[in-house]
Amino acid sequence: MCGRLSQYSGIHDFVAALSMPNALANSVGELPLERYNVAPSTQVALLHLQGDLLHADLVRWGWRPHWAKDRAAPINARVEKVAHGPFFRAIWPHRAITPVDNWFEWVDEGGPKKQPYLIRRRDGSPVLCAAIGQLPDSDEGPGEHDGFVIITADSAGGMVDIHDRRPVVLTPDLAREWLDPATPKERAEQMLLAQGDDTDIFEWFKVSMNVGNVKNKGEDLIEKVL
């Protein structure tokens, strides 16, 4: 996953896709997000549970432990290592969902620049990406070290031609189980390794080269080009 996504739906559209009956504490806002070119290190809408309350917060995309100051904050975590490696140990228990409308990858097709592709669900519904992070606390408020990473797995099928890694995408049922603090860590790991959505639920197509510049923000960035 190259590290660019879109969140243009409203937070209530994302919550509706999750189908959770919990009351919502929404600090993101009521209007459509209208963000078509979201880059790492910026604030991204995230869903997480605190007690019985579902929270929608803006959290920085990227995180590193306090002792890893000699490297940039990763934005992704490999599913093969995330549950057992020391780097993400502190945040592995703190699970979240990053709901997106699509994400982007860049492919070397022999031209002077890599060609960007947009990837989304074929049915147009939100993509529920498994994430972990240092998340805002409703009592203490946002913290300066808050951040999150999206968990990625090997691609399969035709998507390998676009990129060898992709987000672990969960069905609404699995996403609710993933968010539930009562879900054992062993079960959470098994869900990531074996039960993410198959590649065939996605479609992908070429989009404008303009998506490569994070200063470009318009809706035209998600339109198909020939």
C-alpha atoms as a PDB file:
ATOM      1  CA  MET A   1       0.000   0.000   0.000  1.00  0.00           C
ATOM      2  CA  CYS A   2       1.680   3.160  -1.228  1.00  0.00           C
ATOM      3  CA  GLY A   3       0.112   5.514   1.251  1.00  0.00           C
ATOM      4  CA  ARG A   4      -2.694   7.599  -0.202  1.00  0.00           C
ATOM      5  CA  LEU A   5      -6.434   7.245   0.304  1.00  0.00           C
ATOM      6  CA  SER A   6      -9.783   9.013  -0.039  1.00  0.00           C
ATOM      7  CA  GLN A   7     -12.420   9.766   2.575  1.00  0.00           C
ATOM      8  CA  TYR A   8     -15.135  11.792   0.888  1.00  0.00           C
ATOM      9  CA  SER A   9     -18.266  10.234   2.390  1.00  0.00           C
ATOM     10  CA  GLY A  10     -19.704  11.485   5.670  1.00  0.00           C
ATOM     11  CA  ILE A  11     -18.820   9.760   8.930  1.00  0.00           C
ATOM     12  CA  HIS A  12     -22.429   8.601   9.276  1.00  0.00           C
ATOM     13  CA  ASP A  13     -22.124   6.778   5.930  1.00  0.00           C
ATOM     14  CA  PHE A  14     -19.101   4.939   7.294  1.00  0.00           C
ATOM     15  CA  VAL A  15     -20.871   4.122  10.571  1.00  0.00           C
ATOM     16  CA  ALA A  16     -23.924   2.870   8.667  1.00  0.00           C
ATOM     17  CA  ALA A  17     -21.692   0.470   6.709  1.00  0.00           C
ATOM     18  CA  LEU A  18     -20.332  -0.844   9.984  1.00  0.00           C
ATOM     19  CA  SER A  19     -23.903  -1.533  11.232  1.00  0.00           C
ATOM     20  CA  MET A  20     -23.096  -0.949  14.889  1.00  0.00           C
ATOM     21  CA  PRO A  21     -26.004  -0.181  17.242  1.00  0.00           C
ATOM     22  CA  ASN A  22     -23.717   1.663  19.694  1.00  0.00           C
ATOM     23  CA  ALA A  23     -24.194   5.343  20.418  1.00  0.00           C
ATOM     24  CA  LEU A  24     -21.729   7.514  18.493  1.00  0.00           C
ATOM     25  CA  ALA A  25     -19.375  10.116  19.929  1.00  0.00           C
ATOM     26  CA  ASN A  26     -18.528  12.087  16.801  1.00  0.00           C
ATOM     27  CA  SER A  27     -15.690  14.615  16.853  1.00  0.00           C
ATOM     28  CA  VAL A  28     -15.263  14.462  13.057  1.00  0.00           C
ATOM     29  CA  GLY A  29     -18.321  16.507  12.069  1.00  0.00           C
ATOM     30  CA  GLU A  30     -21.625  15.947  10.333  1.00  0.00           C
ATOM     31  CA  LEU A  31     -20.768  17.003   6.785  1.00  0.00           C
ATOM     32  CA  PRO A  32     -19.192  14.840   4.059  1.00  0.00           C
ATOM     33  CA  LEU A  33     -15.438  14.704   4.562  1.00  0.00           C
ATOM     34  CA  GLU A  34     -14.729  15.499   0.882  1.00  0.00           C
ATOM     35  CA  ARG A  35     -11.063  14.501   1.112  1.00  0.00           C
ATOM     36  CA  TYR A  36      -9.956  12.910  -2.139  1.00  0.00           C
ATOM     37  CA  ASN A  37      -6.178  12.818  -1.674  1.00  0.00           C
ATOM     38  CA  VAL A  38      -5.301  12.008   1.937  1.00  0.00           C
ATOM     39  CA  ALA A  39      -1.580  11.681   2.634  1.00  0.00           C
ATOM     40  CA  PRO A  40       0.365  10.107   5.519  1.00  0.00           C
ATOM     41  CA  SER A  41       1.023  12.203   8.635  1.00  0.00           C
ATOM     42  CA  THR A  42      -2.290  14.022   8.170  1.00  0.00           C
ATOM     43  CA  GLN A  43      -5.457  13.569  10.221  1.00  0.00           C
ATOM     44  CA  VAL A  44      -7.689  10.682   9.117  1.00  0.00           C
ATOM     45  CA  ALA A  45     -11.167   9.762  10.356  1.00  0.00           C
ATOM     46  CA  LEU A  46     -10.971   6.638  12.512  1.00  0.00           C
ATOM     47  CA  LEU A  47     -13.579   4.506  14.319  1.00  0.00           C
ATOM     48  CA  HIS A  48     -12.850   2.848  17.668  1.00  0.00           C
ATOM     49  CA  LEU A  49     -14.674   1.665  20.754  1.00  0.00           C
ATOM     50  CA  GLN A  50     -14.192   3.051  24.233  1.00  0.00           C
ATOM     51  CA  GLY A  51     -16.415   1.139  26.613  1.00  0.00           C
ATOM     52  CA  ASP A  52     -19.755   0.747  24.841  1.00  0.00           C
ATOM     53  CA  LEU A  53     -19.405   4.009  22.941  1.00  0.00           C
ATOM     54  CA  LEU A  54     -18.290   4.132  19.308  1.00  0.00           C
ATOM     55  CA  HIS A  55     -15.931   7.054  18.715  1.00  0.00           C
ATOM     56  CA  ALA A  56     -15.251   8.820  15.446  1.00  0.00           C
ATOM     57  CA  ASP A  57     -12.040  10.831  15.782  1.00  0.00           C
ATOM     58  CA  LEU A  58      -9.451  12.442  13.571  1.00  0.00           C
ATOM     59  CA  VAL A  59      -6.107  10.726  14.220  1.00  0.00           C
ATOM     60  CA  ARG A  60      -2.700  11.211  12.610  1.00  0.00           C
ATOM     61  CA  TRP A  61      -1.839   8.545  10.038  1.00  0.00           C
ATOM     62  CA  GLY A  62       1.472   7.153  11.221  1.00  0.00           C
ATOM     63  CA  TRP A  63       2.837   5.982  14.553  1.00  0.00           C
ATOM     64  CA  ARG A  64       6.078   4.879  16.187  1.00  0.00           C
ATOM     65  CA  PRO A  65       6.941   3.912  19.774  1.00  0.00           C
ATOM     66  CA  HIS A  66       8.672   6.496  21.941  1.00  0.00           C
ATOM     67  CA  TRP A  67      11.982   4.624  21.742  1.00  0.00           C
ATOM     68  CA  ALA A  68      12.133   4.621  17.920  1.00  0.00           C
ATOM     69  CA  LYS A  69      12.980   8.278  17.382  1.00  0.00           C
ATOM     70  CA  ASP A  70      15.654   7.431  14.810  1.00  0.00           C
ATOM     71  CA  ARG A  71      13.152   6.477  12.105  1.00  0.00           C
ATOM     72  CA  ALA A  72      10.087   7.864  10.410  1.00  0.00           C
ATOM     73  CA  ALA A  73       6.720   6.824  11.768  1.00  0.00           C
ATOM     74  CA  PRO A  74       5.380   3.873   9.717  1.00  0.00           C
ATOM     75  CA  ILE A  75       1.917   4.222   8.225  1.00  0.00           C
ATOM     76  CA  ASN A  76       1.341   0.482   7.712  1.00  0.00           C
ATOM     77  CA  ALA A  77       2.030  -2.712   9.661  1.00  0.00           C
ATOM     78  CA  ARG A  78       2.549  -6.110   8.055  1.00  0.00           C
ATOM     79  CA  VAL A  79      -0.021  -8.638   9.221  1.00  0.00           C
ATOM     80  CA  GLU A  80       2.655 -11.336   9.401  1.00  0.00           C
ATOM     81  CA  LYS A  81       4.532  -9.494  12.165  1.00  0.00           C
ATOM     82  CA  VAL A  82       2.230  -6.998  13.817  1.00  0.00           C
ATOM     83  CA  ALA A  83       0.955  -9.244  16.617  1.00  0.00           C
ATOM     84  CA  HIS A  84       4.355 -10.456  17.828  1.00  0.00           C
ATOM     85  CA  GLY A  85       7.045  -7.918  16.948  1.00  0.00           C
ATOM     86  CA  PRO A  86       8.246  -5.414  19.576  1.00  0.00           C
ATOM     87  CA  PHE A  87       7.649  -2.324  17.437  1.00  0.00           C
ATOM     88  CA  PHE A  88       3.839  -2.396  17.628  1.00  0.00           C
ATOM     89  CA  ARG A  89       3.505  -4.226  20.954  1.00  0.00           C
ATOM     90  CA  ALA A  90       2.171  -1.201  22.823  1.00  0.00           C
ATOM     91  CA  ILE A  91      -0.669  -0.547  20.371  1.00  0.00           C
ATOM     92  CA  TRP A  92      -1.557  -4.084  19.259  1.00  0.00           C
ATOM     93  CA  PRO A  93      -4.399  -4.247  21.828  1.00  0.00           C
ATOM     94  CA  HIS A  94      -5.856  -0.918  20.637  1.00  0.00           C
ATOM     95  CA  ARG A  95      -7.880  -1.799  17.567  1.00  0.00           C
ATOM     96  CA  ALA A  96      -9.656   0.543  15.173  1.00  0.00           C
ATOM     97  CA  ILE A  97     -11.229   0.709  11.738  1.00  0.00           C
ATOM     98  CA  THR A  98     -10.074   3.156   9.090  1.00  0.00           C
ATOM     99  CA  PRO A  99     -13.107   3.556   6.799  1.00  0.00           C
ATOM    100  CA  VAL A 100     -12.170   4.759   3.303  1.00  0.00           C
ATOM    101  CA  ASP A 101     -13.891   5.189  -0.022  1.00  0.00           C
ATOM    102  CA  ASN A 102     -10.796   4.065  -1.930  1.00  0.00           C
ATOM    103  CA  TRP A 103      -7.018   3.994  -1.878  1.00  0.00           C
ATOM    104  CA  PHE A 104      -4.345   4.554  -4.526  1.00  0.00           C
ATOM    105  CA  GLU A 105      -1.337   2.625  -5.795  1.00  0.00           C
ATOM    106  CA  TRP A 106       1.350   3.542  -8.323  1.00  0.00           C
ATOM    107  CA  VAL A 107       2.484   1.158 -11.076  1.00  0.00           C
ATOM    108  CA  ASP A 108       5.598   1.305 -13.239  1.00  0.00           C
ATOM    109  CA  GLU A 109       4.246   0.893 -16.786  1.00  0.00           C
ATOM    110  CA  GLY A 110       7.372   2.046 -18.545  1.00  0.00           C
ATOM    111  CA  GLY A 111       6.528   5.738 -18.785  1.00  0.00           C
ATOM    112  CA  PRO A 112       8.466   8.653 -17.346  1.00  0.00           C
ATOM    113  CA  LYS A 113       6.332   8.482 -14.191  1.00  0.00           C
ATOM    114  CA  LYS A 114       4.485   5.689 -12.437  1.00  0.00           C
ATOM    115  CA  GLN A 115       0.783   5.428 -13.253  1.00  0.00           C
ATOM    116  CA  PRO A 116      -1.625   5.892 -10.311  1.00  0.00           C
ATOM    117  CA  TYR A 117      -4.524   3.475  -9.911  1.00  0.00           C
ATOM    118  CA  LEU A 118      -7.601   3.847  -7.720  1.00  0.00           C
ATOM    119  CA  ILE A 119      -8.811   0.736  -5.849  1.00  0.00           C
ATOM    120  CA  ARG A 120     -12.305   0.490  -4.382  1.00  0.00           C
ATOM    121  CA  ARG A 121     -15.039  -2.034  -3.661  1.00  0.00           C
ATOM    122  CA  ARG A 122     -17.021  -3.056  -6.728  1.00  0.00           C
ATOM    123  CA  ASP A 123     -20.305  -2.472  -4.916  1.00  0.00           C
ATOM    124  CA  GLY A 124     -19.326   1.089  -3.957  1.00  0.00           C
ATOM    125  CA  SER A 125     -19.640   0.511  -0.224  1.00  0.00           C
ATOM    126  CA  PRO A 126     -17.009   1.806   2.202  1.00  0.00           C
ATOM    127  CA  VAL A 127     -13.767  -0.116   2.646  1.00  0.00           C
ATOM    128  CA  LEU A 128     -13.323  -1.089   6.309  1.00  0.00           C
ATOM    129  CA  CYS A 129      -9.569  -1.322   6.904  1.00  0.00           C
ATOM    130  CA  ALA A 130      -8.194  -2.951  10.043  1.00  0.00           C
ATOM    131  CA  ALA A 131      -5.976  -0.588  12.039  1.00  0.00           C
ATOM    132  CA  ILE A 132      -4.276  -0.245  15.417  1.00  0.00           C
ATOM    133  CA  GLY A 133      -3.051   2.851  17.158  1.00  0.00           C
ATOM    134  CA  GLN A 134      -2.478   5.101  20.097  1.00  0.00           C
ATOM    135  CA  LEU A 135      -5.983   6.488  20.169  1.00  0.00           C
ATOM    136  CA  PRO A 136      -7.667   9.551  21.721  1.00  0.00           C
ATOM    137  CA  ASP A 137      -9.102   9.063  25.202  1.00  0.00           C
ATOM    138  CA  SER A 138     -12.527  10.576  25.764  1.00  0.00           C
ATOM    139  CA  ASP A 139     -11.584  11.669  29.301  1.00  0.00           C
ATOM    140  CA  GLU A 140      -8.149  13.090  28.541  1.00  0.00           C
ATOM    141  CA  GLY A 141      -8.713  14.278  24.966  1.00  0.00           C
ATOM    142  CA  PRO A 142      -6.312  13.915  22.028  1.00  0.00           C
ATOM    143  CA  GLY A 143      -2.658  13.297  22.886  1.00  0.00           C
ATOM    144  CA  GLU A 144       0.419  14.577  21.088  1.00  0.00           C
ATOM    145  CA  HIS A 145       1.626  11.011  20.476  1.00  0.00           C
ATOM    146  CA  ASP A 146      -1.674   9.704  19.093  1.00  0.00           C
ATOM    147  CA  GLY A 147      -1.421   7.962  15.739  1.00  0.00           C
ATOM    148  CA  PHE A 148      -2.380   4.808  13.881  1.00  0.00           C
ATOM    149  CA  VAL A 149      -1.221   2.344  11.248  1.00  0.00           C
ATOM    150  CA  ILE A 150      -3.222   0.356   8.704  1.00  0.00           C
ATOM    151  CA  ILE A 151      -2.560  -3.380   8.669  1.00  0.00           C
ATOM    152  CA  THR A 152      -1.573  -4.817   5.297  1.00  0.00           C
ATOM    153  CA  ALA A 153      -1.385  -8.307   3.795  1.00  0.00           C
ATOM    154  CA  ASP A 154      -0.116  -9.882   0.583  1.00  0.00           C
ATOM    155  CA  SER A 155      -2.213  -9.138  -2.470  1.00  0.00           C
ATOM    156  CA  ALA A 156      -3.633 -11.934  -4.590  1.00  0.00           C
ATOM    157  CA  GLY A 157      -5.055 -12.419  -8.065  1.00  0.00           C
ATOM    158  CA  GLY A 158      -4.937  -9.507 -10.479  1.00  0.00           C
ATOM    159  CA  MET A 159      -4.276  -7.007  -7.708  1.00  0.00           C
ATOM    160  CA  VAL A 160      -0.680  -8.259  -7.514  1.00  0.00           C
ATOM    161  CA  ASP A 161      -0.119  -6.453 -10.812  1.00  0.00           C
ATOM    162  CA  ILE A 162      -1.077  -3.199  -9.064  1.00  0.00           C
ATOM    163  CA  HIS A 163       0.803  -3.744  -5.796  1.00  0.00           C
ATOM    164  CA  ASP A 164       2.060  -6.687  -3.753  1.00  0.00           C
ATOM    165  CA  ARG A 165       0.474  -5.400  -0.528  1.00  0.00           C
ATOM    166  CA  ARG A 166      -3.027  -4.213   0.283  1.00  0.00           C
ATOM    167  CA  PRO A 167      -5.013  -3.269   3.400  1.00  0.00           C
ATOM    168  CA  VAL A 168      -6.663  -6.011   5.403  1.00  0.00           C
ATOM    169  CA  VAL A 169     -10.339  -5.259   4.682  1.00  0.00           C
ATOM    170  CA  LEU A 170     -13.000  -6.693   6.979  1.00  0.00           C
ATOM    171  CA  THR A 171     -16.690  -7.404   6.454  1.00  0.00           C
ATOM    172  CA  PRO A 172     -18.991  -5.443   8.775  1.00  0.00           C
ATOM    173  CA  ASP A 173     -19.451  -8.528  10.988  1.00  0.00           C
ATOM    174  CA  LEU A 174     -15.711  -9.039  11.359  1.00  0.00           C
ATOM    175  CA  ALA A 175     -15.083  -5.310  11.753  1.00  0.00           C
ATOM    176  CA  ARG A 176     -17.450  -5.197  14.723  1.00  0.00           C
ATOM    177  CA  GLU A 177     -15.705  -8.208  16.249  1.00  0.00           C
ATOM    178  CA  TRP A 178     -12.306  -6.612  15.580  1.00  0.00           C
ATOM    179  CA  LEU A 179     -13.369  -3.431  17.400  1.00  0.00           C
ATOM    180  CA  ASP A 180     -14.785  -5.269  20.404  1.00  0.00           C
ATOM    181  CA  PRO A 181     -12.269  -5.068  23.303  1.00  0.00           C
ATOM    182  CA  ALA A 182     -13.598  -8.441  24.497  1.00  0.00           C
ATOM    183  CA  THR A 183     -12.281 -10.174  21.353  1.00  0.00           C
ATOM    184  CA  PRO A 184      -9.174 -12.154  22.418  1.00  0.00           C
ATOM    185  CA  LYS A 185      -5.876 -11.090  20.849  1.00  0.00           C
ATOM    186  CA  GLU A 186      -5.444 -14.569  19.377  1.00  0.00           C
ATOM    187  CA  ARG A 187      -8.811 -14.337  17.640  1.00  0.00           C
ATOM    188  CA  ALA A 188      -7.993 -10.851  16.363  1.00  0.00           C
ATOM    189  CA  GLU A 189      -4.770 -12.123  14.798  1.00  0.00           C
ATOM    190  CA  GLN A 190      -6.556 -15.079  13.202  1.00  0.00           C
ATOM    191  CA  MET A 191      -9.130 -12.735  11.660  1.00  0.00           C
ATOM    192  CA  LEU A 192      -6.378 -10.694  10.036  1.00  0.00           C
ATOM    193  CA  LEU A 193      -4.461 -13.677   8.736  1.00  0.00           C
ATOM    194  CA  ALA A 194      -7.339 -15.715   7.365  1.00  0.00           C
ATOM    195  CA  GLN A 195     -10.580 -13.789   7.106  1.00  0.00           C
ATOM    196  CA  GLY A 196      -9.984 -10.499   5.315  1.00  0.00           C
ATOM    197  CA  ASP A 197     -12.107  -9.802   2.241  1.00  0.00           C
ATOM    198  CA  ASP A 198     -11.000 -11.475  -0.992  1.00  0.00           C
ATOM    199  CA  THR A 199      -9.376  -9.534  -3.816  1.00  0.00           C
ATOM    200  CA  ASP A 200     -12.311 -10.207  -6.161  1.00  0.00           C
ATOM    201  CA  ILE A 201     -14.553  -7.745  -4.295  1.00  0.00           C
ATOM    202  CA  PHE A 202     -12.374  -4.874  -5.570  1.00  0.00           C
ATOM    203  CA  GLU A 203     -12.033  -3.027  -8.835  1.00  0.00           C
ATOM    204  CA  TRP A 204      -9.188  -0.770  -9.957  1.00  0.00           C
ATOM    205  CA  PHE A 205      -8.570   1.665 -12.777  1.00  0.00           C
ATOM    206  CA  LYS A 206      -6.188   4.390 -13.900  1.00  0.00           C
ATOM    207  CA  VAL A 207      -6.655   7.913 -12.578  1.00  0.00           C
ATOM    208  CA  SER A 208      -5.025  11.269 -13.244  1.00  0.00           C
ATOM    209  CA  MET A 209      -1.312  11.772 -12.620  1.00  0.00           C
ATOM    210  CA  ASN A 210      -2.396  14.789 -10.568  1.00  0.00           C
ATOM    211  CA  VAL A 211      -3.093  12.543  -7.588  1.00  0.00           C
ATOM    212  CA  GLY A 212       0.669  12.300  -7.115  1.00  0.00           C
ATOM    213  CA  ASN A 213       0.787  15.870  -5.850  1.00  0.00           C
ATOM    214  CA  VAL A 214      -0.746  16.096  -2.376  1.00  0.00           C
ATOM    215  CA  LYS A 215      -1.600  19.736  -3.042  1.00  0.00           C
ATOM    216  CA  ASN A 216      -4.239  18.546  -5.514  1.00  0.00           C
ATOM    217  CA  LYS A 217      -7.505  17.963  -3.655  1.00  0.00           C
ATOM    218  CA  GLY A 218     -10.322  17.893  -6.217  1.00  0.00           C
ATOM    219  CA  GLU A 219     -12.994  15.307  -6.920  1.00  0.00           C
ATOM    220  CA  ASP A 220     -11.523  14.827 -10.395  1.00  0.00           C
ATOM    221  CA  LEU A 221      -8.709  12.781  -8.804  1.00  0.00           C
ATOM    222  CA  ILE A 222     -11.014   9.778  -8.401  1.00  0.00           C
ATOM    223  CA  GLU A 223     -12.297   9.806 -11.976  1.00  0.00           C
ATOM    224  CA  LYS A 224     -11.294   7.054 -14.389  1.00  0.00           C
ATOM    225  CA  VAL A 225      -8.935   7.994 -17.219  1.00  0.00           C
ATOM    226  CA  LEU A 226      -8.140   6.028 -20.370  1.00  0.00           C
END
